[in-house]
Amino acid sequence: MPVKPEIRMLAIDDGPLSDRVVLIGTIFRGADWLEGVLRSEVTRDGMDATEKMVTLAKESKHYDQLRAIILDGVTYAGFNVVDIVALNEQTKLPIIVVMRSPPNLEEIKEALANLDQREERWRAIQRAGKVFEAITHYGSIFIQVCGIDLPTAREIVHLTSTHSRTPEPLRVAHLIASGVATASKV
C-alpha cells in the first residue's frame, strides 16, 4: 500500500519521571505539518498508559483522519507498559513502535520482578511482537508493528524521519514533553 506523503498520524512520548508523568501527543500531517498537540498524564510504573493513549487518540478532533499511531517504545513513565494489541483494537489504528536499539528482554524481565502485576506487564511486552530493523535517512532504527504490514510501517518511518533517525512527529512529541515538564514559569 503506497503511503501518502501527508499521512496524518499521532505520535506519543512521555516527559521526565515523577509520580505523574506527562504524555504528549503530536498530530502531524507527514513529517512537515504539526496540526495539534494533545496532553495527558500517566502514573509512574502504573497500568494506565494504554487506556490514556486510547483516550488521547479517540477524543482528538483529528481522530477520523488519523492513519497511524507512533510510540517511543512500549514502556512509558518507567514501566507503565502499553499493550499495543489492545491500543490497536480499541482505536482501530495501526501502531508503530520505534526504538533506537532492540530491547534487552532479559533486563526488562528482571526489572519487572520488582513491580506489581509483573505477569500482565510481561505479556503486554511479549504481545508487542518481533522487533524489525527499519532504514531512515539517518541510519537504522528498530520497530514493532500491530495492525499494519511491515513494508508500509517501514515506509512511514522512512518518510517521516526527516531530521534524525526518529520520525519527526515523535521527535517533536519528545521535545514538547521534555519542555513542558521542565519549563520555568515566567
N, C-alpha and C. Protein backbone atom coordinates (compact mmCIF):
# COMPACT_ATOMS: atom_id res chain seq x y z
N MET A 1 0.84 -1.18 0.00
CA MET A 1 0.00 0.00 0.00
C MET A 1 0.89 1.24 0.00
N PRO A 2 0.77 2.11 -1.02
CA PRO A 2 1.56 3.33 -1.02
C PRO A 2 1.12 4.28 0.09
N VAL A 3 2.08 4.95 0.69
CA VAL A 3 1.80 5.87 1.79
C VAL A 3 1.79 7.29 1.24
N LYS A 4 0.72 8.02 1.52
CA LYS A 4 0.64 9.41 1.09
C LYS A 4 1.66 10.23 1.87
N PRO A 5 2.35 11.16 1.21
CA PRO A 5 3.33 11.99 1.92
C PRO A 5 2.74 12.79 3.07
N GLU A 6 1.43 13.06 3.02
CA GLU A 6 0.78 13.86 4.06
C GLU A 6 -0.09 13.01 4.98
N ILE A 7 0.31 11.75 5.18
CA ILE A 7 -0.43 10.86 6.08
C ILE A 7 -0.55 11.51 7.46
N ARG A 8 -1.74 11.45 8.04
CA ARG A 8 -1.94 12.00 9.39
C ARG A 8 -1.66 10.92 10.42
N MET A 9 -0.87 11.30 11.42
CA MET A 9 -0.54 10.34 12.47
C MET A 9 -0.43 11.03 13.82
N LEU A 10 -0.58 10.23 14.84
CA LEU A 10 -0.43 10.66 16.22
C LEU A 10 0.83 10.01 16.76
N ALA A 11 1.75 10.82 17.28
CA ALA A 11 2.96 10.29 17.91
C ALA A 11 2.91 10.66 19.38
N ILE A 12 3.28 9.71 20.24
CA ILE A 12 3.16 9.91 21.69
C ILE A 12 4.48 9.63 22.39
N ASP A 13 4.89 10.56 23.25
CA ASP A 13 6.07 10.36 24.09
C ASP A 13 5.77 10.89 25.48
N ASP A 14 6.62 10.53 26.42
CA ASP A 14 6.43 10.96 27.80
C ASP A 14 7.54 11.90 28.24
N GLY A 15 7.24 12.63 29.31
CA GLY A 15 8.21 13.54 29.89
C GLY A 15 9.05 12.84 30.94
N PRO A 16 9.85 13.62 31.67
CA PRO A 16 10.71 13.07 32.72
C PRO A 16 9.90 12.40 33.83
N LEU A 17 10.54 11.46 34.51
CA LEU A 17 9.88 10.69 35.58
C LEU A 17 9.52 11.55 36.78
N SER A 18 8.32 11.35 37.25
CA SER A 18 7.82 11.90 38.50
C SER A 18 6.66 10.99 38.89
N ASP A 19 5.92 11.31 39.94
CA ASP A 19 4.80 10.44 40.31
C ASP A 19 3.76 10.38 39.20
N ARG A 20 3.43 11.53 38.62
CA ARG A 20 2.54 11.62 37.46
C ARG A 20 3.40 12.13 36.31
N VAL A 21 3.43 11.41 35.22
CA VAL A 21 4.30 11.74 34.09
C VAL A 21 3.45 12.25 32.94
N VAL A 22 3.87 13.36 32.36
CA VAL A 22 3.14 13.95 31.25
C VAL A 22 3.29 13.08 30.00
N LEU A 23 2.19 12.92 29.28
CA LEU A 23 2.18 12.29 27.95
C LEU A 23 1.84 13.38 26.96
N ILE A 24 2.62 13.49 25.92
CA ILE A 24 2.33 14.46 24.86
C ILE A 24 2.11 13.71 23.55
N GLY A 25 1.03 14.05 22.90
CA GLY A 25 0.76 13.52 21.57
C GLY A 25 0.84 14.65 20.57
N THR A 26 1.52 14.40 19.46
CA THR A 26 1.54 15.38 18.38
C THR A 26 0.79 14.79 17.20
N ILE A 27 -0.06 15.59 16.62
CA ILE A 27 -0.77 15.21 15.39
C ILE A 27 0.00 15.87 14.25
N PHE A 28 0.51 15.04 13.36
CA PHE A 28 1.29 15.53 12.22
C PHE A 28 0.64 15.09 10.92
N ARG A 29 0.81 15.91 9.92
CA ARG A 29 0.50 15.54 8.54
C ARG A 29 1.85 15.32 7.87
N GLY A 30 2.19 14.07 7.59
CA GLY A 30 3.51 13.74 7.09
C GLY A 30 4.55 14.09 8.14
N ALA A 31 5.68 14.60 7.66
CA ALA A 31 6.75 14.98 8.58
C ALA A 31 6.85 16.48 8.73
N ASP A 32 6.00 17.23 8.03
CA ASP A 32 6.19 18.67 7.95
C ASP A 32 5.18 19.53 8.68
N TRP A 33 3.96 19.01 8.89
CA TRP A 33 2.92 19.88 9.43
C TRP A 33 2.43 19.40 10.78
N LEU A 34 2.75 20.17 11.80
CA LEU A 34 2.20 19.92 13.13
C LEU A 34 0.81 20.51 13.16
N GLU A 35 -0.20 19.67 13.39
CA GLU A 35 -1.58 20.14 13.37
C GLU A 35 -2.24 20.20 14.74
N GLY A 36 -1.61 19.56 15.72
CA GLY A 36 -2.21 19.60 17.05
C GLY A 36 -1.30 18.99 18.09
N VAL A 37 -1.53 19.39 19.33
CA VAL A 37 -0.79 18.84 20.47
C VAL A 37 -1.81 18.39 21.51
N LEU A 38 -1.66 17.17 21.98
CA LEU A 38 -2.55 16.60 22.98
C LEU A 38 -1.75 16.33 24.25
N ARG A 39 -2.43 16.39 25.40
CA ARG A 39 -1.74 16.20 26.67
C ARG A 39 -2.56 15.29 27.58
N SER A 40 -1.84 14.43 28.30
CA SER A 40 -2.44 13.60 29.33
C SER A 40 -1.37 13.33 30.37
N GLU A 41 -1.71 12.53 31.36
CA GLU A 41 -0.75 12.10 32.37
C GLU A 41 -0.95 10.62 32.65
N VAL A 42 0.15 9.96 32.98
CA VAL A 42 0.10 8.57 33.39
C VAL A 42 0.85 8.42 34.71
N THR A 43 0.58 7.33 35.39
CA THR A 43 1.19 7.05 36.68
C THR A 43 2.54 6.37 36.50
N ARG A 44 3.51 6.85 37.24
CA ARG A 44 4.83 6.20 37.20
C ARG A 44 4.68 4.73 37.60
N ASP A 45 5.21 3.85 36.75
CA ASP A 45 5.14 2.39 36.96
C ASP A 45 3.71 1.90 37.13
N GLY A 46 2.75 2.63 36.60
CA GLY A 46 1.35 2.26 36.73
C GLY A 46 0.90 1.30 35.65
N MET A 47 -0.41 1.25 35.46
CA MET A 47 -1.01 0.35 34.47
C MET A 47 -2.02 1.09 33.60
N ASP A 48 -1.86 2.41 33.46
CA ASP A 48 -2.87 3.21 32.76
C ASP A 48 -2.43 3.77 31.42
N ALA A 49 -1.24 3.43 30.92
CA ALA A 49 -0.73 4.03 29.68
C ALA A 49 -1.61 3.68 28.47
N THR A 50 -2.00 2.42 28.33
CA THR A 50 -2.82 2.03 27.17
C THR A 50 -4.13 2.79 27.18
N GLU A 51 -4.80 2.80 28.32
CA GLU A 51 -6.09 3.50 28.44
C GLU A 51 -5.96 4.99 28.11
N LYS A 52 -4.92 5.63 28.62
CA LYS A 52 -4.73 7.08 28.38
C LYS A 52 -4.45 7.35 26.91
N MET A 53 -3.71 6.45 26.25
CA MET A 53 -3.42 6.64 24.83
C MET A 53 -4.66 6.43 23.97
N VAL A 54 -5.49 5.48 24.34
CA VAL A 54 -6.76 5.29 23.63
C VAL A 54 -7.58 6.57 23.72
N THR A 55 -7.67 7.13 24.92
CA THR A 55 -8.43 8.36 25.12
C THR A 55 -7.84 9.52 24.32
N LEU A 56 -6.50 9.67 24.35
CA LEU A 56 -5.86 10.74 23.56
C LEU A 56 -6.27 10.65 22.10
N ALA A 57 -6.18 9.45 21.54
CA ALA A 57 -6.49 9.28 20.12
C ALA A 57 -7.97 9.52 19.83
N LYS A 58 -8.84 8.85 20.56
CA LYS A 58 -10.26 8.88 20.24
C LYS A 58 -10.94 10.20 20.55
N GLU A 59 -10.41 10.95 21.52
CA GLU A 59 -11.01 12.25 21.85
C GLU A 59 -10.42 13.41 21.06
N SER A 60 -9.45 13.12 20.20
CA SER A 60 -8.86 14.16 19.36
C SER A 60 -9.84 14.54 18.25
N LYS A 61 -9.90 15.81 17.94
CA LYS A 61 -10.76 16.25 16.82
C LYS A 61 -10.24 15.72 15.49
N HIS A 62 -9.01 15.20 15.47
CA HIS A 62 -8.41 14.65 14.25
C HIS A 62 -8.58 13.13 14.13
N TYR A 63 -9.25 12.51 15.11
CA TYR A 63 -9.31 11.05 15.17
C TYR A 63 -9.74 10.41 13.84
N ASP A 64 -10.77 10.91 13.21
CA ASP A 64 -11.28 10.31 11.97
C ASP A 64 -10.28 10.41 10.82
N GLN A 65 -9.30 11.29 10.94
CA GLN A 65 -8.31 11.47 9.88
C GLN A 65 -6.99 10.77 10.18
N LEU A 66 -6.82 10.25 11.39
CA LEU A 66 -5.57 9.59 11.75
C LEU A 66 -5.44 8.27 11.00
N ARG A 67 -4.22 7.96 10.60
CA ARG A 67 -3.95 6.71 9.88
C ARG A 67 -2.96 5.82 10.60
N ALA A 68 -2.32 6.33 11.68
CA ALA A 68 -1.37 5.51 12.45
C ALA A 68 -1.04 6.22 13.76
N ILE A 69 -0.58 5.41 14.72
CA ILE A 69 -0.05 5.91 15.98
C ILE A 69 1.40 5.44 16.06
N ILE A 70 2.28 6.37 16.40
CA ILE A 70 3.71 6.05 16.56
C ILE A 70 4.07 6.23 18.03
N LEU A 71 4.69 5.21 18.61
CA LEU A 71 5.08 5.24 20.01
C LEU A 71 6.60 5.17 20.15
N ASP A 72 7.10 5.75 21.23
CA ASP A 72 8.51 5.65 21.57
C ASP A 72 8.69 4.49 22.54
N GLY A 73 8.78 3.28 22.00
CA GLY A 73 8.86 2.10 22.83
C GLY A 73 7.50 1.71 23.38
N VAL A 74 7.48 0.68 24.22
CA VAL A 74 6.22 0.24 24.83
C VAL A 74 6.16 0.51 26.32
N THR A 75 7.22 1.08 26.88
CA THR A 75 7.20 1.42 28.30
C THR A 75 7.24 2.94 28.44
N TYR A 76 6.31 3.44 29.23
CA TYR A 76 6.20 4.87 29.49
C TYR A 76 6.24 5.07 31.01
N ALA A 77 6.69 6.22 31.44
CA ALA A 77 6.67 6.55 32.87
C ALA A 77 7.27 5.42 33.70
N GLY A 78 8.47 5.02 33.34
CA GLY A 78 9.10 3.89 33.99
C GLY A 78 8.65 2.61 33.31
N PHE A 79 7.85 1.80 34.02
CA PHE A 79 7.35 0.55 33.45
C PHE A 79 5.84 0.51 33.37
N ASN A 80 5.24 1.59 32.89
CA ASN A 80 3.82 1.64 32.58
C ASN A 80 3.72 1.13 31.14
N VAL A 81 3.47 -0.14 30.98
CA VAL A 81 3.58 -0.81 29.67
C VAL A 81 2.33 -0.59 28.83
N VAL A 82 2.56 -0.23 27.57
CA VAL A 82 1.47 -0.08 26.60
C VAL A 82 1.23 -1.43 25.93
N ASP A 83 0.01 -1.90 25.94
CA ASP A 83 -0.38 -3.11 25.22
C ASP A 83 -0.77 -2.66 23.81
N ILE A 84 0.15 -2.82 22.86
CA ILE A 84 -0.11 -2.27 21.52
C ILE A 84 -1.21 -3.03 20.80
N VAL A 85 -1.44 -4.27 21.15
CA VAL A 85 -2.55 -5.01 20.55
C VAL A 85 -3.87 -4.40 21.01
N ALA A 86 -4.00 -4.14 22.30
CA ALA A 86 -5.21 -3.51 22.82
C ALA A 86 -5.36 -2.08 22.27
N LEU A 87 -4.26 -1.36 22.16
CA LEU A 87 -4.31 0.00 21.61
C LEU A 87 -4.81 -0.02 20.17
N ASN A 88 -4.32 -0.97 19.40
CA ASN A 88 -4.77 -1.13 18.01
C ASN A 88 -6.24 -1.51 17.95
N GLU A 89 -6.65 -2.46 18.78
CA GLU A 89 -8.04 -2.93 18.77
C GLU A 89 -9.01 -1.83 19.19
N GLN A 90 -8.64 -1.05 20.19
CA GLN A 90 -9.56 -0.05 20.73
C GLN A 90 -9.60 1.23 19.90
N THR A 91 -8.51 1.55 19.19
CA THR A 91 -8.50 2.77 18.36
C THR A 91 -8.79 2.47 16.90
N LYS A 92 -8.65 1.20 16.51
CA LYS A 92 -8.79 0.79 15.11
C LYS A 92 -7.73 1.45 14.23
N LEU A 93 -6.57 1.78 14.85
CA LEU A 93 -5.47 2.41 14.12
C LEU A 93 -4.23 1.53 14.18
N PRO A 94 -3.45 1.51 13.10
CA PRO A 94 -2.17 0.79 13.12
C PRO A 94 -1.22 1.42 14.14
N ILE A 95 -0.39 0.57 14.75
CA ILE A 95 0.56 1.02 15.75
C ILE A 95 1.97 0.71 15.25
N ILE A 96 2.85 1.72 15.33
CA ILE A 96 4.27 1.54 15.02
C ILE A 96 5.04 1.95 16.27
N VAL A 97 5.80 1.02 16.82
CA VAL A 97 6.64 1.29 17.98
C VAL A 97 8.05 1.50 17.48
N VAL A 98 8.68 2.60 17.90
CA VAL A 98 10.02 2.95 17.44
C VAL A 98 10.99 2.85 18.61
N MET A 99 12.17 2.29 18.34
CA MET A 99 13.23 2.16 19.34
C MET A 99 14.58 2.42 18.67
N ARG A 100 15.48 3.08 19.39
CA ARG A 100 16.83 3.31 18.86
C ARG A 100 17.64 2.02 18.78
N SER A 101 17.37 1.09 19.70
CA SER A 101 18.06 -0.20 19.70
C SER A 101 17.07 -1.26 20.16
N PRO A 102 17.32 -2.50 19.80
CA PRO A 102 16.39 -3.57 20.22
C PRO A 102 16.37 -3.68 21.75
N PRO A 103 15.23 -4.00 22.33
CA PRO A 103 15.15 -4.11 23.78
C PRO A 103 15.90 -5.34 24.30
N ASN A 104 16.47 -5.20 25.49
CA ASN A 104 17.09 -6.34 26.15
C ASN A 104 16.02 -6.97 27.04
N LEU A 105 15.38 -8.00 26.53
CA LEU A 105 14.23 -8.58 27.21
C LEU A 105 14.59 -9.22 28.55
N GLU A 106 15.79 -9.74 28.68
CA GLU A 106 16.20 -10.32 29.96
C GLU A 106 16.28 -9.25 31.04
N GLU A 107 16.88 -8.09 30.70
CA GLU A 107 16.97 -7.00 31.67
C GLU A 107 15.59 -6.46 32.03
N ILE A 108 14.72 -6.37 31.04
CA ILE A 108 13.36 -5.89 31.29
C ILE A 108 12.63 -6.85 32.23
N LYS A 109 12.74 -8.14 31.96
CA LYS A 109 12.05 -9.12 32.81
C LYS A 109 12.57 -9.04 34.25
N GLU A 110 13.86 -8.85 34.42
CA GLU A 110 14.44 -8.70 35.77
C GLU A 110 13.87 -7.47 36.46
N ALA A 111 13.78 -6.36 35.74
CA ALA A 111 13.26 -5.12 36.32
C ALA A 111 11.79 -5.26 36.70
N LEU A 112 11.04 -6.00 35.91
CA LEU A 112 9.62 -6.19 36.19
C LEU A 112 9.39 -7.00 37.47
N ALA A 113 10.37 -7.78 37.87
CA ALA A 113 10.23 -8.61 39.07
C ALA A 113 9.97 -7.76 40.32
N ASN A 114 10.33 -6.49 40.27
CA ASN A 114 10.15 -5.59 41.42
C ASN A 114 8.80 -4.89 41.43
N LEU A 115 7.95 -5.17 40.45
CA LEU A 115 6.69 -4.44 40.32
C LEU A 115 5.47 -5.36 40.50
N ASP A 116 4.36 -4.73 40.89
CA ASP A 116 3.09 -5.45 40.92
C ASP A 116 2.66 -5.75 39.50
N GLN A 117 1.83 -6.72 39.32
CA GLN A 117 1.25 -7.09 38.02
C GLN A 117 2.33 -7.36 36.97
N ARG A 118 3.44 -7.92 37.41
CA ARG A 118 4.56 -8.17 36.50
C ARG A 118 4.19 -9.11 35.37
N GLU A 119 3.34 -10.10 35.63
CA GLU A 119 2.96 -11.04 34.57
C GLU A 119 2.16 -10.33 33.48
N GLU A 120 1.25 -9.46 33.88
CA GLU A 120 0.45 -8.70 32.91
C GLU A 120 1.34 -7.76 32.08
N ARG A 121 2.28 -7.12 32.75
CA ARG A 121 3.22 -6.23 32.04
C ARG A 121 4.05 -7.04 31.04
N TRP A 122 4.54 -8.20 31.49
CA TRP A 122 5.38 -9.02 30.64
C TRP A 122 4.59 -9.52 29.42
N ARG A 123 3.34 -9.91 29.62
CA ARG A 123 2.50 -10.35 28.50
C ARG A 123 2.33 -9.24 27.47
N ALA A 124 2.12 -8.01 27.95
CA ALA A 124 1.96 -6.88 27.02
C ALA A 124 3.24 -6.65 26.23
N ILE A 125 4.38 -6.78 26.89
CA ILE A 125 5.67 -6.62 26.20
C ILE A 125 5.83 -7.71 25.15
N GLN A 126 5.50 -8.95 25.50
CA GLN A 126 5.60 -10.05 24.54
C GLN A 126 4.62 -9.90 23.39
N ARG A 127 3.42 -9.41 23.68
CA ARG A 127 2.40 -9.22 22.63
C ARG A 127 2.83 -8.18 21.59
N ALA A 128 3.76 -7.31 21.96
CA ALA A 128 4.24 -6.31 21.00
C ALA A 128 4.93 -6.96 19.81
N GLY A 129 5.39 -8.18 20.00
CA GLY A 129 5.89 -8.96 18.87
C GLY A 129 7.35 -8.73 18.52
N LYS A 130 7.67 -9.24 17.37
CA LYS A 130 9.04 -9.24 16.87
C LYS A 130 9.53 -7.81 16.60
N VAL A 131 10.82 -7.61 16.79
CA VAL A 131 11.47 -6.33 16.51
C VAL A 131 12.11 -6.43 15.13
N PHE A 132 11.86 -5.41 14.30
CA PHE A 132 12.41 -5.36 12.95
C PHE A 132 13.27 -4.11 12.77
N GLU A 133 14.22 -4.18 11.89
CA GLU A 133 15.03 -3.02 11.55
C GLU A 133 14.31 -2.21 10.47
N ALA A 134 14.43 -0.90 10.56
CA ALA A 134 13.90 -0.01 9.52
C ALA A 134 15.00 0.99 9.18
N ILE A 135 15.11 1.32 7.92
CA ILE A 135 16.15 2.23 7.46
C ILE A 135 15.55 3.62 7.28
N THR A 136 16.23 4.61 7.86
CA THR A 136 15.81 6.01 7.70
C THR A 136 16.88 6.74 6.91
N HIS A 137 16.66 8.03 6.68
CA HIS A 137 17.66 8.87 6.00
C HIS A 137 18.93 8.97 6.83
N TYR A 138 18.86 8.67 8.12
CA TYR A 138 19.97 8.87 9.05
C TYR A 138 20.50 7.58 9.64
N GLY A 139 20.10 6.46 9.12
CA GLY A 139 20.57 5.17 9.63
C GLY A 139 19.42 4.29 10.09
N SER A 140 19.77 3.23 10.77
CA SER A 140 18.78 2.24 11.20
C SER A 140 18.10 2.62 12.50
N ILE A 141 16.86 2.17 12.60
CA ILE A 141 16.09 2.26 13.82
C ILE A 141 15.32 0.94 13.91
N PHE A 142 14.73 0.65 15.04
CA PHE A 142 14.04 -0.62 15.21
C PHE A 142 12.57 -0.38 15.50
N ILE A 143 11.73 -1.27 14.97
CA ILE A 143 10.29 -1.06 15.10
C ILE A 143 9.58 -2.37 15.44
N GLN A 144 8.42 -2.21 16.05
CA GLN A 144 7.44 -3.28 16.22
C GLN A 144 6.15 -2.75 15.64
N VAL A 145 5.32 -3.63 15.12
CA VAL A 145 4.10 -3.18 14.44
C VAL A 145 2.90 -4.00 14.87
N CYS A 146 1.74 -3.37 14.79
CA CYS A 146 0.47 -4.05 15.05
C CYS A 146 -0.60 -3.40 14.18
N GLY A 147 -1.31 -4.20 13.41
CA GLY A 147 -2.38 -3.68 12.58
C GLY A 147 -1.90 -3.02 11.30
N ILE A 148 -0.66 -3.28 10.93
CA ILE A 148 -0.07 -2.69 9.72
C ILE A 148 0.98 -3.65 9.20
N ASP A 149 1.12 -3.73 7.89
CA ASP A 149 2.15 -4.62 7.34
C ASP A 149 3.52 -3.96 7.47
N LEU A 150 4.54 -4.78 7.56
CA LEU A 150 5.90 -4.29 7.79
C LEU A 150 6.40 -3.34 6.70
N PRO A 151 6.21 -3.63 5.41
CA PRO A 151 6.69 -2.69 4.39
C PRO A 151 6.05 -1.29 4.52
N THR A 152 4.76 -1.23 4.84
CA THR A 152 4.10 0.07 4.99
C THR A 152 4.63 0.79 6.22
N ALA A 153 4.81 0.07 7.32
CA ALA A 153 5.37 0.69 8.53
C ALA A 153 6.76 1.24 8.26
N ARG A 154 7.57 0.47 7.56
CA ARG A 154 8.93 0.94 7.22
C ARG A 154 8.87 2.18 6.34
N GLU A 155 7.92 2.21 5.41
CA GLU A 155 7.78 3.37 4.53
C GLU A 155 7.38 4.62 5.34
N ILE A 156 6.47 4.47 6.30
CA ILE A 156 6.06 5.59 7.14
C ILE A 156 7.25 6.11 7.95
N VAL A 157 8.01 5.19 8.53
CA VAL A 157 9.18 5.59 9.33
C VAL A 157 10.19 6.31 8.43
N HIS A 158 10.45 5.79 7.27
CA HIS A 158 11.40 6.42 6.34
C HIS A 158 10.91 7.80 5.91
N LEU A 159 9.65 7.88 5.55
CA LEU A 159 9.05 9.14 5.09
C LEU A 159 9.12 10.24 6.15
N THR A 160 8.93 9.87 7.42
CA THR A 160 8.81 10.88 8.47
C THR A 160 10.10 11.14 9.24
N SER A 161 11.16 10.41 8.96
CA SER A 161 12.44 10.62 9.64
C SER A 161 13.27 11.63 8.86
N THR A 162 12.88 12.89 8.95
CA THR A 162 13.48 13.93 8.13
C THR A 162 14.63 14.68 8.77
N HIS A 163 14.76 14.63 10.11
CA HIS A 163 15.82 15.37 10.79
C HIS A 163 16.70 14.48 11.65
N SER A 164 16.31 13.22 11.83
CA SER A 164 17.08 12.26 12.63
C SER A 164 16.53 10.87 12.33
N ARG A 165 17.08 9.87 13.02
CA ARG A 165 16.55 8.50 12.85
C ARG A 165 15.13 8.39 13.39
N THR A 166 14.77 9.27 14.32
CA THR A 166 13.45 9.25 14.93
C THR A 166 12.44 9.95 14.02
N PRO A 167 11.28 9.35 13.78
CA PRO A 167 10.26 10.05 12.98
C PRO A 167 9.95 11.43 13.57
N GLU A 168 9.82 12.41 12.71
CA GLU A 168 9.64 13.80 13.15
C GLU A 168 8.46 13.98 14.11
N PRO A 169 7.31 13.36 13.89
CA PRO A 169 6.22 13.54 14.86
C PRO A 169 6.61 13.09 16.27
N LEU A 170 7.38 12.01 16.36
CA LEU A 170 7.82 11.51 17.66
C LEU A 170 8.91 12.40 18.25
N ARG A 171 9.81 12.88 17.41
CA ARG A 171 10.87 13.78 17.88
C ARG A 171 10.27 15.04 18.48
N VAL A 172 9.26 15.59 17.83
CA VAL A 172 8.60 16.81 18.32
C VAL A 172 7.82 16.52 19.60
N ALA A 173 7.14 15.37 19.67
CA ALA A 173 6.43 15.00 20.90
C ALA A 173 7.43 14.91 22.06
N HIS A 174 8.61 14.37 21.82
CA HIS A 174 9.64 14.27 22.85
C HIS A 174 10.09 15.66 23.31
N LEU A 175 10.34 16.55 22.36
CA LEU A 175 10.78 17.91 22.71
C LEU A 175 9.73 18.63 23.55
N ILE A 176 8.48 18.50 23.15
CA ILE A 176 7.41 19.17 23.89
C ILE A 176 7.25 18.56 25.28
N ALA A 177 7.24 17.23 25.37
CA ALA A 177 7.07 16.56 26.66
C ALA A 177 8.21 16.94 27.62
N SER A 178 9.42 17.01 27.10
CA SER A 178 10.56 17.39 27.94
C SER A 178 10.45 18.85 28.36
N GLY A 179 10.03 19.71 27.44
CA GLY A 179 9.92 21.14 27.73
C GLY A 179 8.80 21.48 28.68
N VAL A 180 7.66 20.83 28.51
CA VAL A 180 6.51 21.08 29.38
C VAL A 180 6.85 20.69 30.81
N ALA A 181 7.52 19.59 30.97
CA ALA A 181 7.82 19.10 32.31
C ALA A 181 8.90 19.89 33.01
N THR A 182 9.81 20.50 32.26
CA THR A 182 10.95 21.17 32.88
C THR A 182 10.92 22.69 32.70
N ALA A 183 9.94 23.21 32.00
CA ALA A 183 9.90 24.64 31.70
C ALA A 183 9.76 25.48 32.97
N SER A 184 10.45 26.59 32.97
CA SER A 184 10.33 27.54 34.07
C SER A 184 9.09 28.39 33.85
N LYS A 185 8.45 28.76 34.94
CA LYS A 185 7.32 29.68 34.83
C LYS A 185 7.86 31.09 34.87
N VAL A 186 7.33 31.93 34.01
CA VAL A 186 7.78 33.31 33.94
C VAL A 186 6.74 34.23 34.53
